[in-house]
Amino acid sequence: MPPEVESSTRGLRRLRTYTFFTVIGSGPLALFMAAMFLAYSPLPYEALPVAGGAITVSVALCTAALALHWHGQGPWRRRVLWGVSLSILVCGAVWEAQAGPISPAWTAPAALLLTEASLWARPGRRSLALVIGAAAMAGLVIALAQAGLAEAQTVVITILLVPAIAVGVVCQLWHYQVARELEQARGLAADLAVAEERLRFAGELHDVQGGNLQAITLKAQVARRLVAVDPERAEAEMRAVEELARTAMKDTREVVGGYRKVALADEIDSAARILKSAGVQATVPDAAPSLDEDTEKLLGLLVREATTNLIRHAEPTAADVSIVEVDAEVTVTITNNGAPSPAGSGNGLGMLAERFTEAGGRVEHDHDGDRFTLKGTVPKPQPPQQRQAPPMKRAAPVRRLARKRARR
C-alpha cells in the first residue's frame, strides 16, 4: 500500500474511533451535567434518587439508540428505545413538578432525545429538524416557566445547552460521513486511473504491435517462399524477422513503462521499409516537418495504422504518403490502390478517430474503386506570443508540401 494511502486509511480509522467515543460519550456527559444540576436543586433529599434514576435510565436508553444508529441498525429499534426514554424522562419531570419547579437537570437528557430524533430525518433535512426541535423545547420550557412549573434558569440553560449538545453530536456524525465519502471517492478515482491506464496500454499495444506483427508475418512468408529458390535472400529475410522481433520486444517494454515516443519521420521510414518488403512502390516525403511530441505521435500512429491495414487487407502495387501544412493545421494523407470492397471501419480506425477528435482534429477516409485514401488532420499548437498577438488581417493560406522520395 502506498504511504499516502496508508496514512489516509489510518487517519480515517482514527477519526472513526474519535467520532464513536464522541457520540457515545455524550451520554455520560449528559449524566454528569444532570448530576451537577441535581446537586444544587431544591429537591428534598429523599426525592433525589427518583429523579436521578429516571434521568439515568432515560440517558442510557437514548445512548443505546445512538449506538444502534452508529452501527447502522434499523430505525424501529431506535424509535422504541427513544419512546421509552422520552416516557421515563417526562414522568420524572412531572413527578418533580409536583414537588417544586423543574430544575435544569432534565435539559441535557432532553438534548440527547432531540439528537436521536433529528437523525431520523434525511441528511439534507437534519439541520431543519434540529432547529424545529430546539425551538419546540424552548417554547415548552418558556410556557412551563410562565406557569410557575419551571425555574427561570431552566429556560436559559435549555436555550443554550440543548442546541449545543444536539448540534455537536450531529456535526460529528456528519463530519465522519463526509470523510468516509471522500475516502470512497479517492478509492474510486484510483480505480478509474487503473482503468484509464489499461485503456492506454491496450491502445498503445494495438498501435505498436499491430504493425510489428504484420511485418514479421510478411517477412516470414517471403522467407518461406524464397527458401528453395534463393536461400541467401531467405536468410536475409529471416534476419529481418529477428530484428523486427527485437524491435517489438523493445516497443512492448516502452509501452509498459509509459515513455515510448512516436516520431513521425521514423514512422514514415518504417512504413517505407515495410511497403518495400511487400513489393509495393511507395512514395514518401523526404523529411517530416518539425512538430510537437503529441502531434507527431498522432500522425505517426495514423501512418502506422494505414500501413498495417494496407498490407493486411489490400493487394496494392503503389502507395503514396504526403504531408501538407495549411495555416495552423497539418494533414497526412496515405493513398493506395488494390483496396478491396469496403467492409466498414475496424477497431484501429475507430480508436484513431477518437484520439484525433480529443486533440481537436479529425480522421477521414474515402474508398473510390480500388483506391483507398486515409487522411488525418490535427491542429498545431500555437506559441504563446502568437496566441497573445493582436488580430491582423488574414493573409492567404500558406501551403507547404514536403518533398517526396520514391521507394521502389
Protein backbone atom coordinates (compact mmCIF):
# COMPACT_ATOMS: atom_id res chain seq x y z
CA MET A 1 0.00 0.00 0.00
CA PRO A 2 1.44 3.44 -0.91
CA PRO A 3 2.41 5.63 2.08
CA GLU A 4 -0.18 8.30 1.31
CA VAL A 5 -2.95 5.70 1.01
CA GLU A 6 -1.89 4.01 4.24
CA SER A 7 -1.79 7.38 6.02
CA SER A 8 -5.25 8.28 4.74
CA THR A 9 -6.69 4.93 5.84
CA ARG A 10 -5.07 5.21 9.25
CA GLY A 11 -6.42 8.74 9.64
CA LEU A 12 -9.93 7.59 8.76
CA ARG A 13 -9.73 4.82 11.37
CA ARG A 14 -8.65 7.35 13.98
CA LEU A 15 -11.47 9.68 13.02
CA ARG A 16 -13.94 6.79 13.29
CA THR A 17 -12.73 5.97 16.80
CA TYR A 18 -12.85 9.62 17.84
CA THR A 19 -16.36 10.06 16.44
CA PHE A 20 -17.61 6.90 18.13
CA PHE A 21 -16.38 7.95 21.56
CA THR A 22 -17.69 11.49 20.98
CA VAL A 23 -21.19 10.25 20.11
CA ILE A 24 -21.40 7.56 22.77
CA GLY A 25 -19.64 9.79 25.28
CA SER A 26 -22.45 12.31 25.02
CA GLY A 27 -24.48 10.00 27.28
CA PRO A 28 -22.06 10.08 30.26
CA LEU A 29 -21.58 13.80 29.68
CA ALA A 30 -25.33 14.37 29.91
CA LEU A 31 -25.45 12.31 33.14
CA PHE A 32 -22.62 14.35 34.64
CA MET A 33 -24.31 17.64 33.80
CA ALA A 34 -27.65 16.38 35.20
CA ALA A 35 -25.92 15.26 38.42
CA MET A 36 -24.34 18.71 38.81
CA PHE A 37 -27.72 20.41 38.45
CA LEU A 38 -29.41 17.90 40.80
CA ALA A 39 -26.76 18.53 43.43
CA TYR A 40 -27.79 22.19 43.63
CA SER A 41 -31.53 21.68 43.11
CA PRO A 42 -34.05 22.47 45.89
CA LEU A 43 -35.48 18.94 45.73
CA PRO A 44 -35.83 17.11 49.06
CA TYR A 45 -33.06 14.64 49.76
CA GLU A 46 -35.43 11.66 49.58
CA ALA A 47 -36.64 12.74 46.10
CA LEU A 48 -33.19 12.87 44.53
CA PRO A 49 -32.88 9.08 43.91
CA VAL A 50 -36.17 9.05 41.96
CA ALA A 51 -35.10 11.97 39.74
CA GLY A 52 -31.59 10.59 39.35
CA GLY A 53 -32.90 7.14 38.45
CA ALA A 54 -35.30 8.50 35.84
CA ILE A 55 -32.55 10.60 34.27
CA THR A 56 -30.07 7.71 34.28
CA VAL A 57 -32.45 5.22 32.64
CA SER A 58 -33.57 7.79 30.06
CA VAL A 59 -29.99 8.70 29.13
CA ALA A 60 -28.96 5.04 28.95
CA LEU A 61 -31.80 4.15 26.59
CA CYS A 62 -31.17 7.18 24.37
CA THR A 63 -27.42 6.41 24.26
CA ALA A 64 -28.25 2.86 23.21
CA ALA A 65 -30.38 4.26 20.38
CA LEU A 66 -27.41 6.41 19.24
CA ALA A 67 -25.19 3.33 19.33
CA LEU A 68 -27.64 1.47 17.11
CA HIS A 69 -27.58 4.39 14.68
CA TRP A 70 -23.79 4.28 14.62
CA HIS A 71 -23.82 0.58 13.73
CA GLY A 72 -26.43 1.13 11.01
CA GLN A 73 -29.31 -0.67 12.68
CA GLY A 74 -32.90 -0.25 11.54
CA PRO A 75 -34.96 2.70 12.81
CA TRP A 76 -37.70 0.73 14.57
CA ARG A 77 -35.47 -0.46 17.44
CA ARG A 78 -34.11 3.04 17.90
CA ARG A 79 -37.61 4.51 17.95
CA VAL A 80 -38.75 2.02 20.58
CA LEU A 81 -35.79 2.93 22.80
CA TRP A 82 -36.39 6.62 22.13
CA GLY A 83 -40.07 6.34 23.01
CA VAL A 84 -39.36 4.56 26.30
CA SER A 85 -36.63 7.08 27.12
CA LEU A 86 -38.96 10.00 26.43
CA SER A 87 -41.71 8.46 28.55
CA ILE A 88 -39.39 7.96 31.54
CA LEU A 89 -37.99 11.48 31.20
CA VAL A 90 -41.46 13.06 31.04
CA CYS A 91 -42.68 11.02 34.03
CA GLY A 92 -39.65 12.09 36.04
CA ALA A 93 -40.11 15.75 35.15
CA VAL A 94 -43.84 15.60 36.01
CA TRP A 95 -43.02 13.97 39.33
CA GLU A 96 -40.51 16.74 40.08
CA ALA A 97 -43.02 19.42 39.07
CA GLN A 98 -45.36 18.14 41.80
CA ALA A 99 -42.65 18.77 44.40
CA GLY A 100 -41.47 22.11 43.03
CA PRO A 101 -40.25 23.91 39.86
CA ILE A 102 -38.49 21.78 37.26
CA SER A 103 -34.73 22.16 37.54
CA PRO A 104 -32.19 22.35 34.63
CA ALA A 105 -31.17 18.72 35.38
CA TRP A 106 -33.54 17.50 32.64
CA THR A 107 -32.03 19.70 29.93
CA ALA A 108 -29.06 17.53 28.88
CA PRO A 109 -31.13 14.30 28.61
CA ALA A 110 -33.70 16.24 26.55
CA ALA A 111 -30.86 17.32 24.24
CA LEU A 112 -29.96 13.65 23.64
CA LEU A 113 -33.59 12.91 22.76
CA LEU A 114 -33.54 15.78 20.25
CA THR A 115 -30.27 14.46 18.78
CA GLU A 116 -31.66 10.97 18.19
CA ALA A 117 -34.93 12.32 16.75
CA SER A 118 -33.08 14.59 14.30
CA LEU A 119 -31.12 11.59 12.99
CA TRP A 120 -34.34 10.06 11.70
CA ALA A 121 -34.55 12.81 9.10
CA ARG A 122 -32.71 12.61 5.81
CA PRO A 123 -29.16 14.04 5.85
CA GLY A 124 -30.24 17.16 3.97
CA ARG A 125 -33.02 17.96 6.44
CA ARG A 126 -31.37 17.27 9.79
CA SER A 127 -30.50 20.92 10.31
CA LEU A 128 -34.16 21.85 9.90
CA ALA A 129 -35.17 19.09 12.34
CA LEU A 130 -32.68 20.43 14.90
CA VAL A 131 -33.98 23.97 14.57
CA ILE A 132 -37.62 22.90 14.89
CA GLY A 133 -36.91 20.59 17.82
CA ALA A 134 -34.82 23.15 19.73
CA ALA A 135 -37.45 25.83 19.17
CA ALA A 136 -40.21 23.49 20.36
CA MET A 137 -38.29 22.63 23.55
CA ALA A 138 -37.53 26.28 24.25
CA GLY A 139 -41.19 27.20 23.76
CA LEU A 140 -42.31 24.39 26.06
CA VAL A 141 -39.90 25.41 28.83
CA ILE A 142 -40.89 29.08 28.50
CA ALA A 143 -44.56 28.09 28.85
CA LEU A 144 -43.76 26.00 31.94
CA ALA A 145 -41.79 28.87 33.45
CA GLN A 146 -44.66 31.28 32.91
CA ALA A 147 -46.96 28.78 34.62
CA GLY A 148 -44.55 28.57 37.57
CA LEU A 149 -43.64 24.92 36.86
CA ALA A 150 -40.01 25.55 35.81
CA GLU A 151 -37.18 27.65 37.15
CA ALA A 152 -36.03 30.74 35.27
CA GLN A 153 -32.53 29.36 34.84
CA THR A 154 -34.03 26.25 33.21
CA VAL A 155 -35.23 28.44 30.34
CA VAL A 156 -31.78 29.96 29.80
CA ILE A 157 -29.95 26.64 30.05
CA THR A 158 -32.43 24.97 27.69
CA ILE A 159 -31.99 27.68 25.07
CA LEU A 160 -28.18 27.39 25.28
CA LEU A 161 -27.47 23.77 26.13
CA VAL A 162 -29.98 21.81 24.03
CA PRO A 163 -28.82 23.17 20.62
CA ALA A 164 -25.16 22.93 21.67
CA ILE A 165 -25.31 19.22 22.56
CA ALA A 166 -27.55 18.23 19.65
CA VAL A 167 -25.63 20.18 17.02
CA GLY A 168 -22.29 18.95 18.38
CA VAL A 169 -23.23 15.27 18.12
CA VAL A 170 -24.91 15.58 14.71
CA CYS A 171 -21.98 17.58 13.31
CA GLN A 172 -19.53 14.93 14.49
CA LEU A 173 -21.51 12.26 12.67
CA TRP A 174 -21.74 14.45 9.57
CA HIS A 175 -18.01 15.15 9.65
CA TYR A 176 -17.18 11.45 9.76
CA GLN A 177 -19.68 10.71 6.98
CA VAL A 178 -18.05 13.33 4.73
CA ALA A 179 -14.58 11.94 5.45
CA ARG A 180 -15.74 8.42 4.63
CA GLU A 181 -17.32 9.57 1.36
CA LEU A 182 -14.10 11.37 0.44
CA GLU A 183 -12.14 8.21 1.14
CA GLN A 184 -14.52 6.24 -1.07
CA ALA A 185 -14.16 8.88 -3.78
CA ARG A 186 -10.38 8.59 -3.54
CA GLY A 187 -10.66 4.84 -3.97
CA LEU A 188 -12.96 5.31 -6.95
CA ALA A 189 -10.52 7.78 -8.51
CA ALA A 190 -7.74 5.23 -8.08
CA ASP A 191 -9.87 2.56 -9.79
CA LEU A 192 -10.62 4.94 -12.65
CA ALA A 193 -6.92 5.73 -13.01
CA VAL A 194 -6.18 2.00 -13.25
CA ALA A 195 -8.91 1.57 -15.88
CA GLU A 196 -7.60 4.55 -17.85
CA GLU A 197 -4.08 3.11 -17.76
CA ARG A 198 -5.39 -0.21 -19.03
CA LEU A 199 -7.12 1.53 -21.93
CA ARG A 200 -3.93 3.43 -22.70
CA PHE A 201 -1.93 0.23 -22.63
CA ALA A 202 -4.43 -1.56 -24.88
CA GLY A 203 -4.38 1.29 -27.41
CA GLU A 204 -0.60 1.59 -27.40
CA LEU A 205 -0.17 -2.17 -27.70
CA HIS A 206 -2.55 -2.27 -30.67
CA ASP A 207 -0.80 0.64 -32.38
CA VAL A 208 2.71 -0.69 -31.78
CA GLN A 209 2.44 -4.43 -32.15
CA GLY A 210 -0.11 -4.41 -34.96
CA GLY A 211 2.45 -3.11 -37.42
CA ASN A 212 5.34 -5.13 -35.99
CA LEU A 213 3.47 -8.43 -36.08
CA GLN A 214 2.17 -7.76 -39.57
CA ALA A 215 5.71 -7.01 -40.78
CA ILE A 216 7.02 -10.16 -39.10
CA THR A 217 4.29 -12.20 -40.77
CA LEU A 218 5.08 -10.69 -44.15
CA LYS A 219 8.81 -11.28 -43.81
CA ALA A 220 8.26 -14.86 -42.70
CA GLN A 221 6.02 -15.52 -45.74
CA VAL A 222 8.64 -14.07 -48.09
CA ALA A 223 11.38 -16.17 -46.48
CA ARG A 224 9.25 -19.32 -46.78
CA ARG A 225 8.74 -18.72 -50.48
CA LEU A 226 12.43 -17.98 -51.12
CA VAL A 227 13.98 -20.75 -49.04
CA ALA A 228 14.01 -23.15 -52.01
CA VAL A 229 14.86 -20.72 -54.84
CA ASP A 230 17.08 -18.13 -53.12
CA PRO A 231 18.42 -19.33 -49.77
CA GLU A 232 20.64 -16.29 -49.27
CA ARG A 233 17.77 -13.85 -49.62
CA ALA A 234 15.61 -16.11 -47.45
CA GLU A 235 18.31 -15.94 -44.78
CA ALA A 236 18.33 -12.14 -45.06
CA GLU A 237 14.58 -12.03 -44.64
CA MET A 238 14.80 -14.21 -41.52
CA ARG A 239 17.43 -11.87 -40.09
CA ALA A 240 14.97 -9.06 -40.72
CA VAL A 241 12.32 -11.07 -38.88
CA GLU A 242 14.70 -11.45 -35.94
CA GLU A 243 15.39 -7.71 -35.91
CA LEU A 244 11.68 -6.92 -36.08
CA ALA A 245 11.05 -9.27 -33.15
CA ARG A 246 13.68 -7.44 -31.10
CA THR A 247 12.08 -4.13 -32.02
CA ALA A 248 8.67 -5.46 -31.00
CA MET A 249 10.05 -6.55 -27.61
CA LYS A 250 11.68 -3.14 -27.11
CA ASP A 251 8.46 -1.33 -28.03
CA THR A 252 6.48 -3.52 -25.64
CA ARG A 253 8.81 -2.67 -22.76
CA GLU A 254 8.48 1.03 -23.60
CA VAL A 255 4.70 0.78 -23.75
CA VAL A 256 4.66 -0.88 -20.33
CA GLY A 257 6.98 1.81 -18.99
CA GLY A 258 4.80 4.52 -20.48
CA TYR A 259 7.66 6.50 -22.03
CA ARG A 260 7.54 5.40 -25.65
CA LYS A 261 7.77 8.30 -28.11
CA VAL A 262 6.44 8.11 -31.67
CA ALA A 263 8.33 10.22 -34.21
CA LEU A 264 6.57 10.96 -37.49
CA ALA A 265 9.76 10.67 -39.56
CA ASP A 266 10.57 7.27 -38.02
CA GLU A 267 7.06 6.00 -38.70
CA ILE A 268 7.27 7.15 -42.34
CA ASP A 269 10.66 5.44 -42.81
CA SER A 270 9.33 2.28 -41.16
CA ALA A 271 6.28 2.34 -43.43
CA ALA A 272 8.51 2.75 -46.49
CA ARG A 273 10.64 -0.25 -45.49
CA ILE A 274 7.63 -2.45 -44.81
CA LEU A 275 5.96 -1.50 -48.09
CA LYS A 276 9.18 -2.13 -49.99
CA SER A 277 9.42 -5.58 -48.41
CA ALA A 278 5.88 -6.26 -49.61
CA GLY A 279 6.79 -5.26 -53.17
CA VAL A 280 4.81 -2.02 -53.04
CA GLN A 281 6.13 1.08 -54.79
CA ALA A 282 5.96 3.67 -52.02
CA THR A 283 6.31 7.43 -52.43
CA VAL A 284 7.04 9.15 -49.14
CA PRO A 285 8.24 12.65 -48.13
CA ASP A 286 11.97 13.26 -47.88
CA ALA A 287 11.56 14.89 -44.48
CA ALA A 288 8.78 15.40 -41.96
CA PRO A 289 8.01 18.84 -40.52
CA SER A 290 9.15 19.70 -37.01
CA LEU A 291 6.13 19.33 -34.74
CA ASP A 292 5.44 18.94 -31.04
CA GLU A 293 5.55 15.49 -29.47
CA ASP A 294 1.78 14.96 -29.20
CA THR A 295 1.12 15.99 -32.80
CA GLU A 296 3.89 13.75 -34.12
CA LYS A 297 2.55 10.87 -32.08
CA LEU A 298 -0.95 11.19 -33.53
CA LEU A 299 0.26 11.49 -37.12
CA GLY A 300 2.78 8.69 -36.63
CA LEU A 301 0.04 6.40 -35.36
CA LEU A 302 -2.01 7.30 -38.44
CA VAL A 303 0.85 6.24 -40.74
CA ARG A 304 1.36 3.03 -38.78
CA GLU A 305 -2.34 2.13 -38.82
CA ALA A 306 -2.61 2.86 -42.55
CA THR A 307 0.45 0.72 -43.34
CA THR A 308 -0.84 -2.17 -41.25
CA ASN A 309 -4.28 -2.09 -42.87
CA LEU A 310 -2.77 -1.70 -46.34
CA ILE A 311 -0.73 -4.87 -46.04
CA ARG A 312 -3.35 -6.85 -44.14
CA HIS A 313 -6.47 -6.09 -46.16
CA ALA A 314 -5.34 -4.88 -49.62
CA GLU A 315 -3.18 -6.06 -52.50
CA PRO A 316 -1.56 -2.78 -53.52
CA THR A 317 1.16 -2.10 -56.05
CA ALA A 318 1.62 1.57 -55.19
CA ALA A 319 1.15 3.74 -52.13
CA ASP A 320 1.63 7.44 -51.54
CA VAL A 321 2.26 9.33 -48.27
CA SER A 322 2.01 13.13 -48.27
CA ILE A 323 2.24 15.83 -45.61
CA VAL A 324 0.59 19.21 -46.08
CA GLU A 325 0.70 22.21 -43.74
CA VAL A 326 -2.08 24.77 -44.22
CA ASP A 327 -2.23 27.64 -41.74
CA ALA A 328 -2.27 26.06 -38.27
CA GLU A 329 -3.15 22.52 -39.39
CA VAL A 330 -1.09 19.55 -40.51
CA THR A 331 -2.60 16.88 -42.73
CA VAL A 332 -1.11 13.48 -43.50
CA THR A 333 -2.66 11.57 -46.38
CA ILE A 334 -1.99 7.92 -47.27
CA THR A 335 -3.34 6.63 -50.59
CA ASN A 336 -3.03 3.16 -52.07
CA ASN A 337 -4.52 1.10 -54.84
CA GLY A 338 -5.62 -2.52 -54.75
CA ALA A 339 -8.15 -1.89 -51.99
CA PRO A 340 -10.94 -4.49 -51.60
CA SER A 341 -14.61 -3.65 -51.39
CA PRO A 342 -15.44 -1.55 -48.31
CA ALA A 343 -16.46 -3.60 -45.26
CA GLY A 344 -16.75 -0.91 -42.57
CA SER A 345 -14.19 0.65 -40.26
CA GLY A 346 -12.18 -1.57 -37.95
CA ASN A 347 -11.27 -1.08 -34.32
CA GLY A 348 -7.97 0.54 -35.23
CA LEU A 349 -9.51 3.35 -37.28
CA GLY A 350 -12.19 3.86 -34.63
CA MET A 351 -9.64 4.27 -31.84
CA LEU A 352 -7.55 6.53 -34.06
CA ALA A 353 -10.55 8.74 -34.84
CA GLU A 354 -11.28 9.10 -31.11
CA ARG A 355 -7.72 10.23 -30.43
CA PHE A 356 -7.79 12.79 -33.23
CA THR A 357 -11.15 14.12 -32.02
CA GLU A 358 -9.79 14.55 -28.49
CA ALA A 359 -6.90 16.58 -29.93
CA GLY A 360 -9.27 18.79 -31.95
CA GLY A 361 -8.53 17.07 -35.25
CA ARG A 362 -10.33 14.61 -37.49
CA VAL A 363 -9.79 11.41 -39.48
CA GLU A 364 -11.37 10.94 -42.92
CA HIS A 365 -11.25 8.01 -45.32
CA ASP A 366 -12.55 7.57 -48.85
CA HIS A 367 -12.99 4.49 -51.00
CA ASP A 368 -13.09 5.09 -54.78
CA GLY A 369 -12.99 1.88 -56.77
CA ASP A 370 -9.80 0.10 -55.76
CA ARG A 371 -8.26 3.32 -54.46
CA PHE A 372 -8.36 3.96 -50.70
CA THR A 373 -7.42 7.26 -49.08
CA LEU A 374 -6.88 7.83 -45.36
CA LYS A 375 -6.44 11.41 -44.21
CA GLY A 376 -5.70 12.72 -40.71
CA THR A 377 -5.73 16.40 -39.81
CA VAL A 378 -4.62 17.83 -36.49
CA PRO A 379 -4.09 21.45 -35.37
CA LYS A 380 -0.59 22.64 -34.50
CA PRO A 381 -0.19 24.23 -31.03
CA GLN A 382 0.46 27.95 -31.37
CA PRO A 383 3.36 29.55 -29.49
CA PRO A 384 2.31 31.84 -26.59
CA GLN A 385 3.38 35.01 -28.41
CA GLN A 386 1.24 34.08 -31.40
CA ARG A 387 -1.81 33.37 -29.26
CA GLN A 388 -1.45 36.74 -27.50
CA ALA A 389 -0.72 38.81 -30.59
CA PRO A 390 -3.34 41.37 -31.69
CA PRO A 391 -5.60 40.32 -34.56
CA MET A 392 -4.27 41.17 -38.02
CA LYS A 393 -5.63 41.00 -41.50
CA ARG A 394 -5.77 37.40 -42.60
CA ALA A 395 -3.37 36.56 -45.35
CA ALA A 396 -3.74 33.89 -47.96
CA PRO A 397 -3.23 30.35 -46.63
CA VAL A 398 0.35 29.18 -46.71
CA ARG A 399 0.57 25.75 -48.24
CA ARG A 400 3.71 23.72 -47.83
CA LEU A 401 4.25 20.34 -49.40
CA ALA A 402 7.01 18.10 -48.18
CA ARG A 403 9.27 16.88 -50.93
CA LYS A 404 8.78 13.25 -51.75
CA ARG A 405 11.06 10.40 -52.49
CA ALA A 406 10.15 7.13 -54.09
CA ARG A 407 10.90 3.80 -52.51
CA ARG A 408 10.92 1.03 -55.02
